[in-house]
Protein backbone atom coordinates (compact mmCIF):
# COMPACT_ATOMS: atom_id res chain seq x y z
CA MET A 1 -147.50 297.79 -36.43
CA SER A 2 -150.23 299.77 -38.22
CA ASP A 3 -152.78 296.91 -37.61
CA ASN A 4 -152.56 297.91 -34.04
CA ILE A 5 -152.93 301.93 -34.67
CA ASP A 6 -155.82 301.06 -36.60
CA ARG A 7 -157.65 298.85 -34.19
CA ILE A 8 -157.13 301.37 -31.70
CA VAL A 9 -158.54 304.43 -33.57
CA ASN A 10 -161.28 302.61 -34.87
CA SER A 11 -162.23 300.68 -31.65
CA LYS A 12 -165.50 301.96 -29.55
CA PRO A 13 -164.98 303.75 -26.20
CA PRO A 14 -165.79 301.65 -23.10
CA ARG A 15 -168.93 301.86 -21.77
CA ARG A 16 -169.26 304.43 -19.09
CA VAL A 17 -170.51 302.94 -16.13
CA ARG A 18 -172.74 305.14 -13.64
CA GLY A 19 -171.22 305.77 -10.69
CA PRO A 20 -172.32 307.20 -7.51
CA LYS A 21 -173.69 310.42 -7.07
CA PHE A 22 -171.21 313.09 -6.92
CA LYS A 23 -171.23 314.12 -3.08
CA PRO A 24 -170.00 318.00 -2.57
CA LEU A 25 -166.94 318.13 0.32
CA ARG A 26 -167.67 319.00 3.64
CA ARG A 27 -166.01 321.14 6.21
CA ALA A 28 -166.89 321.53 9.89
CA VAL A 29 -168.05 324.91 10.80
CA ASN A 30 -165.17 326.30 12.74
CA VAL A 31 -167.37 329.11 15.10
CA PRO A 32 -166.13 329.69 18.86
CA VAL A 33 -168.31 329.17 21.73
CA TRP A 34 -169.26 333.15 21.70
CA GLY A 35 -169.66 332.95 18.17
CA ASP A 36 -172.28 329.74 18.62
CA LEU A 37 -174.11 331.99 21.42
CA SER A 38 -174.69 335.01 19.61
CA ILE A 39 -176.25 333.24 16.21
CA ARG A 40 -178.37 331.61 18.68
CA LEU A 41 -179.22 334.53 20.67
CA GLY A 42 -179.46 336.67 17.32
CA LEU A 43 -181.97 333.87 15.80
CA ALA A 44 -184.21 334.38 18.85
CA LEU A 45 -184.32 338.03 18.85
CA PHE A 46 -185.11 337.91 15.06
CA LEU A 47 -187.96 335.66 15.63
CA ILE A 48 -189.47 337.52 18.54
CA SER A 49 -188.99 340.68 16.44
CA ILE A 50 -191.24 339.26 13.85
CA VAL A 51 -194.02 338.45 16.26
CA VAL A 52 -193.77 341.99 17.80
CA MET A 53 -194.19 343.46 14.03
CA ILE A 54 -197.24 341.15 13.68
CA HIS A 55 -198.46 341.97 16.54
CA TRP A 56 -198.11 345.94 16.27
CA LEU A 57 -199.62 345.74 12.64
CA ASP A 58 -202.23 343.66 14.13
CA ARG A 59 -202.49 346.10 17.09
CA GLY A 60 -206.08 346.58 16.66
CA GLY A 61 -207.33 342.76 17.33
CA LEU A 62 -206.04 343.24 21.09
CA VAL A 63 -207.19 344.51 23.83
CA ASP A 64 -205.92 346.55 27.09
CA ASN A 65 -207.87 345.73 30.00
CA LEU A 66 -206.25 348.64 32.47
CA ASP A 67 -206.62 351.58 29.95
CA GLY A 68 -208.37 350.51 26.87
CA GLU A 69 -205.16 351.81 24.46
CA VAL A 70 -202.60 349.18 22.84
CA SER A 71 -198.71 351.17 22.50
CA PHE A 72 -195.63 350.01 21.12
CA LEU A 73 -194.56 349.20 24.91
CA ASP A 74 -197.69 347.26 25.11
CA VAL A 75 -197.35 344.82 22.13
CA VAL A 76 -193.76 344.33 23.24
CA TYR A 77 -194.94 343.29 26.80
CA PHE A 78 -197.57 341.26 25.28
CA THR A 79 -194.98 339.70 22.74
CA MET A 80 -192.31 338.72 25.54
CA ILE A 81 -195.50 337.37 27.72
CA SER A 82 -197.20 335.40 24.70
CA ILE A 83 -193.47 333.95 23.76
CA THR A 84 -192.99 333.05 27.60
CA THR A 85 -196.38 331.59 27.85
CA THR A 86 -197.03 333.84 31.11
CA GLY A 87 -200.42 335.17 30.52
CA PHE A 88 -200.91 337.85 33.01
CA GLY A 89 -204.51 338.18 31.14
CA ASP A 90 -204.23 341.92 30.96
CA ILE A 91 -203.65 342.22 27.23
CA ALA A 92 -205.43 339.89 25.27
CA PRO A 93 -206.58 339.33 21.64
CA ILE A 94 -210.23 339.58 20.79
CA SER A 95 -210.82 339.18 17.35
CA ASP A 96 -211.21 336.72 15.31
CA ARG A 97 -207.92 337.41 12.88
CA ALA A 98 -205.69 338.12 16.09
CA ARG A 99 -206.72 334.69 17.29
CA LEU A 100 -205.98 333.14 14.31
CA VAL A 101 -202.53 335.20 14.06
CA GLU A 102 -201.84 333.56 17.68
CA ALA A 103 -202.86 330.12 16.56
CA VAL A 104 -200.89 330.07 13.41
CA ILE A 105 -198.18 332.10 13.04
CA VAL A 106 -197.33 332.97 17.02
CA THR A 107 -197.46 329.58 18.20
CA PRO A 108 -194.76 327.94 16.01
CA ILE A 109 -192.31 330.75 16.70
CA ARG A 110 -192.62 330.37 20.33
CA PHE A 111 -191.96 326.65 20.12
CA ALA A 112 -188.85 327.27 18.25
CA VAL A 113 -187.72 329.85 20.40
CA PHE A 114 -188.12 327.45 23.58
CA PHE A 115 -185.92 324.79 21.79
CA ILE A 116 -183.48 327.90 20.70
CA PHE A 117 -183.19 328.51 24.41
CA VAL A 118 -183.32 324.99 25.64
CA GLY A 119 -180.77 324.01 23.11
CA THR A 120 -178.36 326.71 24.16
CA ALA A 121 -178.54 325.98 28.13
CA TYR A 122 -178.19 322.28 27.17
CA ASN A 123 -174.94 322.95 24.90
CA PHE A 124 -173.30 325.63 27.00
CA ILE A 125 -174.18 324.63 30.38
CA ILE A 126 -175.35 321.19 30.97
CA LYS A 127 -173.32 319.46 28.40
CA ARG A 128 -169.89 321.36 28.50
CA SER A 129 -170.33 321.03 32.39
CA TRP A 130 -170.99 317.55 32.33
CA GLU A 131 -168.23 316.83 29.44
CA LYS A 132 -165.68 318.90 31.62
CA TRP A 133 -166.22 316.90 34.55
CA ARG A 134 -166.41 313.56 32.88
CA MET A 135 -162.36 314.09 31.09
CA ALA A 136 -161.30 315.36 34.32
CA ARG A 137 -162.27 311.80 35.60
CA ILE A 138 -161.00 310.16 32.57
CA GLN A 139 -157.60 312.14 33.14
CA GLU A 140 -157.14 311.49 36.63
CA LYS A 141 -157.63 307.69 35.84
CA LEU A 142 -155.14 307.70 33.15
CA SER A 143 -152.41 305.64 33.30
CA ASP A 144 -150.43 302.65 31.62
CA HIS A 145 -151.70 304.02 28.13
CA ILE A 146 -150.82 304.48 25.32
CA VAL A 147 -150.39 308.02 23.56
CA VAL A 148 -151.11 308.55 19.84
CA LEU A 149 -149.48 312.10 18.53
CA GLY A 150 -150.74 312.68 15.35
CA PHE A 151 -153.93 310.77 13.35
CA GLY A 152 -152.55 310.92 9.96
CA ILE A 153 -152.31 307.80 7.88
CA SER A 154 -149.48 306.18 9.89
CA GLY A 155 -151.15 307.14 13.20
CA SER A 156 -154.75 305.81 12.01
CA GLU A 157 -153.39 302.27 10.96
CA SER A 158 -151.40 302.17 14.02
CA VAL A 159 -154.04 302.63 16.46
CA SER A 160 -156.40 300.45 14.06
CA GLU A 161 -153.57 297.70 14.59
CA LEU A 162 -153.20 298.31 18.23
CA ILE A 163 -157.12 297.58 18.94
CA GLU A 164 -156.80 294.72 16.25
CA ARG A 165 -153.66 293.03 18.61
CA GLY A 166 -156.09 293.40 21.47
CA THR A 167 -155.51 297.08 23.35
CA LYS A 168 -158.41 298.74 24.67
CA PRO A 169 -159.53 301.46 22.65
CA HIS A 170 -159.99 303.71 26.30
CA GLU A 171 -156.56 302.72 27.06
CA ILE A 172 -155.76 304.77 23.90
CA VAL A 173 -155.05 308.91 23.92
CA VAL A 174 -155.25 310.54 20.79
CA VAL A 175 -153.52 313.93 20.19
CA ASP A 176 -154.28 315.70 16.92
CA PRO A 177 -154.93 319.56 16.32
CA SER A 178 -157.50 318.81 13.22
CA GLU A 179 -161.11 317.88 14.64
CA GLU A 180 -162.32 315.91 11.57
CA ARG A 181 -159.24 313.37 12.26
CA LEU A 182 -160.34 312.81 16.15
CA VAL A 183 -164.03 312.30 14.96
CA GLN A 184 -162.45 309.32 13.26
CA ALA A 185 -160.73 307.95 16.20
CA GLU A 186 -163.38 309.00 18.95
CA LYS A 187 -165.80 306.54 16.69
CA LEU A 188 -163.04 303.82 17.54
CA GLY A 189 -163.59 304.43 20.86
CA CYS A 190 -160.43 306.26 21.82
CA ASN A 191 -159.83 309.32 24.17
CA VAL A 192 -159.11 312.46 22.05
CA ILE A 193 -157.98 316.19 22.88
CA ALA A 194 -157.43 318.45 20.07
CA ALA A 195 -154.21 320.52 21.07
CA ASP A 196 -150.74 321.02 19.70
CA ALA A 197 -148.56 318.12 20.94
CA THR A 198 -145.30 320.09 20.93
CA ARG A 199 -146.82 321.91 23.96
CA ASP A 200 -145.79 321.12 27.42
CA SER A 201 -149.42 321.87 28.72
CA THR A 202 -150.80 319.11 26.17
CA MET A 203 -148.55 316.75 27.20
CA GLU A 204 -149.57 317.49 30.61
CA ALA A 205 -153.09 316.81 30.24
CA VAL A 206 -152.78 313.46 28.53
CA ARG A 207 -150.73 312.29 31.85
CA ILE A 208 -147.51 311.30 29.45
CA ARG A 209 -145.63 310.76 32.76
CA GLN A 210 -147.91 307.59 33.52
CA ALA A 211 -148.45 306.48 29.64
CA LYS A 212 -146.61 303.17 28.78
CA ASN A 213 -145.53 304.15 25.05
CA VAL A 214 -145.81 306.99 23.21
CA LEU A 215 -146.07 307.00 19.14
CA VAL A 216 -145.50 309.70 17.39
CA SER A 217 -146.10 310.54 13.70
CA ALA A 218 -146.83 314.34 13.00
CA GLY A 219 -146.45 314.04 9.42
CA ARG A 220 -143.50 316.34 8.99
CA ASP A 221 -140.11 315.30 10.30
CA ASP A 222 -139.15 318.30 11.96
CA THR A 223 -142.48 318.29 14.05
CA SER A 224 -142.30 314.87 14.85
CA ILE A 225 -138.84 315.79 16.26
CA LEU A 226 -140.04 318.56 18.40
CA ILE A 227 -142.39 316.51 19.65
CA VAL A 228 -139.97 313.66 20.66
CA LEU A 229 -137.69 316.62 22.65
CA THR A 230 -141.24 317.42 24.06
CA VAL A 231 -142.29 314.14 25.52
CA ARG A 232 -138.48 312.95 26.60
CA HIS A 233 -138.04 316.52 28.52
CA LEU A 234 -141.34 315.55 30.64
CA ALA A 235 -140.75 311.37 30.73
CA PRO A 236 -137.52 310.55 30.61
CA ASP A 237 -138.22 306.77 30.82
CA VAL A 238 -141.36 306.56 28.64
CA PRO A 239 -140.59 304.54 25.34
CA ILE A 240 -141.11 306.76 22.15
CA SER A 241 -141.64 305.40 18.74
CA VAL A 242 -141.34 307.75 15.77
CA VAL A 243 -142.15 308.22 12.19
CA VAL A 244 -139.34 310.15 10.05
CA ARG A 245 -139.30 309.91 6.13
CA ALA A 246 -135.99 311.54 5.48
CA ASN A 247 -132.84 309.10 6.56
CA ASP A 248 -130.94 312.21 7.72
CA ASN A 249 -133.37 312.77 10.18
CA GLU A 250 -133.12 309.21 11.75
CA LEU A 251 -129.93 310.26 13.50
CA LEU A 252 -131.62 313.28 15.01
CA ALA A 253 -134.70 311.73 16.20
CA ARG A 254 -132.76 308.98 18.28
CA GLN A 255 -130.49 312.20 19.67
CA ALA A 256 -133.86 313.64 20.38
CA GLY A 257 -134.57 310.65 22.76
CA ALA A 258 -136.61 308.22 20.82
CA ASN A 259 -136.39 304.82 21.02
CA ASN A 260 -137.57 303.22 17.89
CA VAL A 261 -137.15 305.43 14.97
CA ILE A 262 -139.38 304.04 11.54
CA ASN A 263 -139.25 305.17 8.08
CA PRO A 264 -141.68 303.56 6.01
CA VAL A 265 -139.77 304.83 2.68
CA HIS A 266 -137.08 302.49 3.85
CA PHE A 267 -139.14 299.79 4.76
CA THR A 268 -141.18 299.80 1.45
CA GLY A 269 -137.49 300.08 -0.42
CA LEU A 270 -136.81 296.52 1.80
CA LEU A 271 -140.20 295.21 0.72
CA LEU A 272 -139.40 295.98 -2.82
CA ALA A 273 -135.82 294.65 -2.42
CA GLY A 274 -137.04 291.57 -1.33
CA SER A 275 -139.94 291.02 -3.91
CA ALA A 276 -136.85 290.82 -6.53
CA LYS A 277 -135.35 288.11 -4.51
CA GLY A 278 -138.42 286.15 -4.07
CA ALA A 279 -141.95 285.98 -4.82
CA HIS A 280 -143.06 285.48 -1.32
CA ILE A 281 -140.82 287.46 0.78
CA ALA A 282 -142.53 290.63 0.69
CA ASP A 283 -145.81 288.84 1.30
CA TYR A 284 -144.14 287.16 4.31
CA LEU A 285 -142.73 290.26 5.83
CA ALA A 286 -146.24 291.96 5.50
CA ASP A 287 -147.66 288.84 7.45
CA LEU A 288 -145.52 289.15 9.88
CA ALA A 289 -146.34 293.09 10.56
CA SER A 290 -150.19 292.52 10.95
CA VAL A 291 -152.02 290.78 13.53
CA ALA A 292 -154.46 289.92 10.58
CA GLY A 293 -151.73 287.71 9.15
CA ARG A 294 -150.83 283.85 10.00
CA VAL A 295 -148.08 284.86 12.02
CA GLN A 296 -146.91 287.39 14.33
CA LEU A 297 -144.03 288.71 15.51
CA ILE A 298 -143.80 289.83 19.50
CA GLU A 299 -141.36 291.09 22.19
CA ARG A 300 -141.50 290.08 25.52
CA GLU A 301 -139.34 289.24 28.60
CA VAL A 302 -138.14 285.85 29.25
CA THR A 303 -140.09 284.24 32.05
CA GLU A 304 -138.31 282.88 35.20
CA GLU A 305 -138.82 278.89 33.98
CA GLU A 306 -137.69 279.50 30.55
CA CYS A 307 -134.04 280.96 32.47
CA GLY A 308 -131.41 278.17 31.54
CA CYS A 309 -133.46 277.27 28.52
CA SER A 310 -132.34 277.01 24.51
CA ILE A 311 -134.30 280.06 22.07
CA SER A 312 -135.54 277.27 20.81
CA ASN A 313 -137.56 275.76 23.57
CA LEU A 314 -139.81 278.62 24.65
CA LYS A 315 -142.77 277.73 26.58
CA THR A 316 -145.12 279.54 24.66
CA GLY A 317 -144.20 277.26 21.39
CA GLY A 318 -143.17 280.13 19.39
CA ARG A 319 -139.88 280.45 17.57
CA GLY A 320 -137.57 282.18 19.17
CA LEU A 321 -135.23 284.70 16.73
CA ARG A 322 -133.49 287.24 18.61
CA VAL A 323 -132.66 287.72 22.31
CA TYR A 324 -131.52 291.66 23.52
CA ARG A 325 -129.01 291.19 26.61
CA ASP A 326 -127.62 294.35 27.78
CA GLY A 327 -128.54 296.08 24.78
CA VAL A 328 -126.31 293.56 22.04
CA ALA A 329 -128.93 291.86 19.93
CA LEU A 330 -128.23 287.90 19.68
CA GLY A 331 -129.28 285.75 17.15
CA PHE A 332 -130.76 281.96 17.54
CA TRP A 333 -127.63 280.62 16.39
CA GLU A 334 -125.37 282.02 18.60
CA LYS A 335 -124.20 280.24 21.84
CA GLU A 336 -125.21 283.13 23.98
CA CYS A 337 -129.01 282.03 23.20
CA GLU A 338 -128.58 278.71 24.17
CA ASN A 339 -128.82 279.94 28.03
CA LEU A 340 -131.42 282.31 28.71
CA ARG A 341 -130.86 284.55 31.52
CA PRO A 342 -133.29 287.01 33.42
CA GLY A 343 -133.75 290.20 32.11
CA ASP A 344 -133.39 289.11 28.44
CA ILE A 345 -135.63 290.28 25.79
CA ILE A 346 -136.75 288.13 23.45
CA VAL A 347 -138.09 288.15 19.66
CA GLU A 348 -140.28 285.48 18.41
CA ILE A 349 -142.91 284.47 16.09
CA VAL A 350 -146.09 282.98 16.88
CA PRO A 351 -149.33 281.97 15.20
CA THR A 352 -151.94 283.97 15.44
CA GLU A 353 -155.62 283.09 15.42
CA ASN A 354 -155.62 283.02 11.26
CA GLY A 355 -152.55 280.89 11.31
CA THR A 356 -151.91 276.90 11.80
CA THR A 357 -149.77 274.65 14.06
CA MET A 358 -147.80 271.53 13.83
CA GLY A 359 -147.91 268.54 15.99
CA ASP A 360 -145.26 269.94 17.91
CA GLY A 361 -146.68 273.16 18.95
CA HIS A 362 -144.57 275.34 16.59
CA PRO A 363 -145.89 277.73 13.75
CA GLU A 364 -146.12 276.68 10.54
CA ASP A 365 -142.81 277.09 8.73
CA GLU A 366 -143.69 278.64 5.41
């Protein structure tokens, strides 16, 4: 014991590895539209006032072809026609110094003011009007889409998994109050809206009644349940899946109208318990849950040609695991699964592109 302590005390500290340079935190500037416009106009007026001051101090190099005197009003007038490149010629620089000032100082400021006004016109007139028109067209065409309410850890992972499973990004609408999170969703190609998902107006904007599925992950159980109530009030028939973290809130979420309630804490406990019973159980469950694995769980309605067949002889070549009939879950070992009926919902396991298939077309039995 003492030898181990001496070895630890006398050992040299590990060599420090040079890591990446420190990057400061960044935060998006939350400036309202009129605040941004005021900043732009204020900067333009500040630059113009600098030119007025320069012209006033160097007014001796200017000539007024009308009365021969250059007043302060003449300086302001000359500055404005000089900045806007109008140039009537009634007031002009005549000295070398005045012309040098026009070329070296006033001309760069003229370009700066010009770009400020052009940028302002683009941002507040052209760009905003175009985006408003474009988003209106997108909203009109929204149908059979997936609405993701909350783009935190769970929401972002679900969107990535949906895209991996073949859902087109433009068929996904992400709603979150955080602009920073929505930037990531927009990079994936999703439609985004920065709004409060508990508001009826927000749900109307994403055409919640025409949605195929709604995924709710607001980060707080109370907020998520309130969102479920809002969605169910506006869209009684749309399937809703919600993430809750407290066991007591699972029943409340179902009473609010959620079709599927997912508890990540509970699922993690299942994985941990499964790993205690076998080294590969947790790995297999994770494989089933992700499209990146070798096998995948899918849910679908029985086809017409499969009616009357057994769940063990599916036309897709997958292994049937469960049948949902009239709201009752039936296991593959039960007699009812020997005769599939129209309207049955099948849960089956199929191989992915990363998996392998056996000679009979069934997934590899790992």
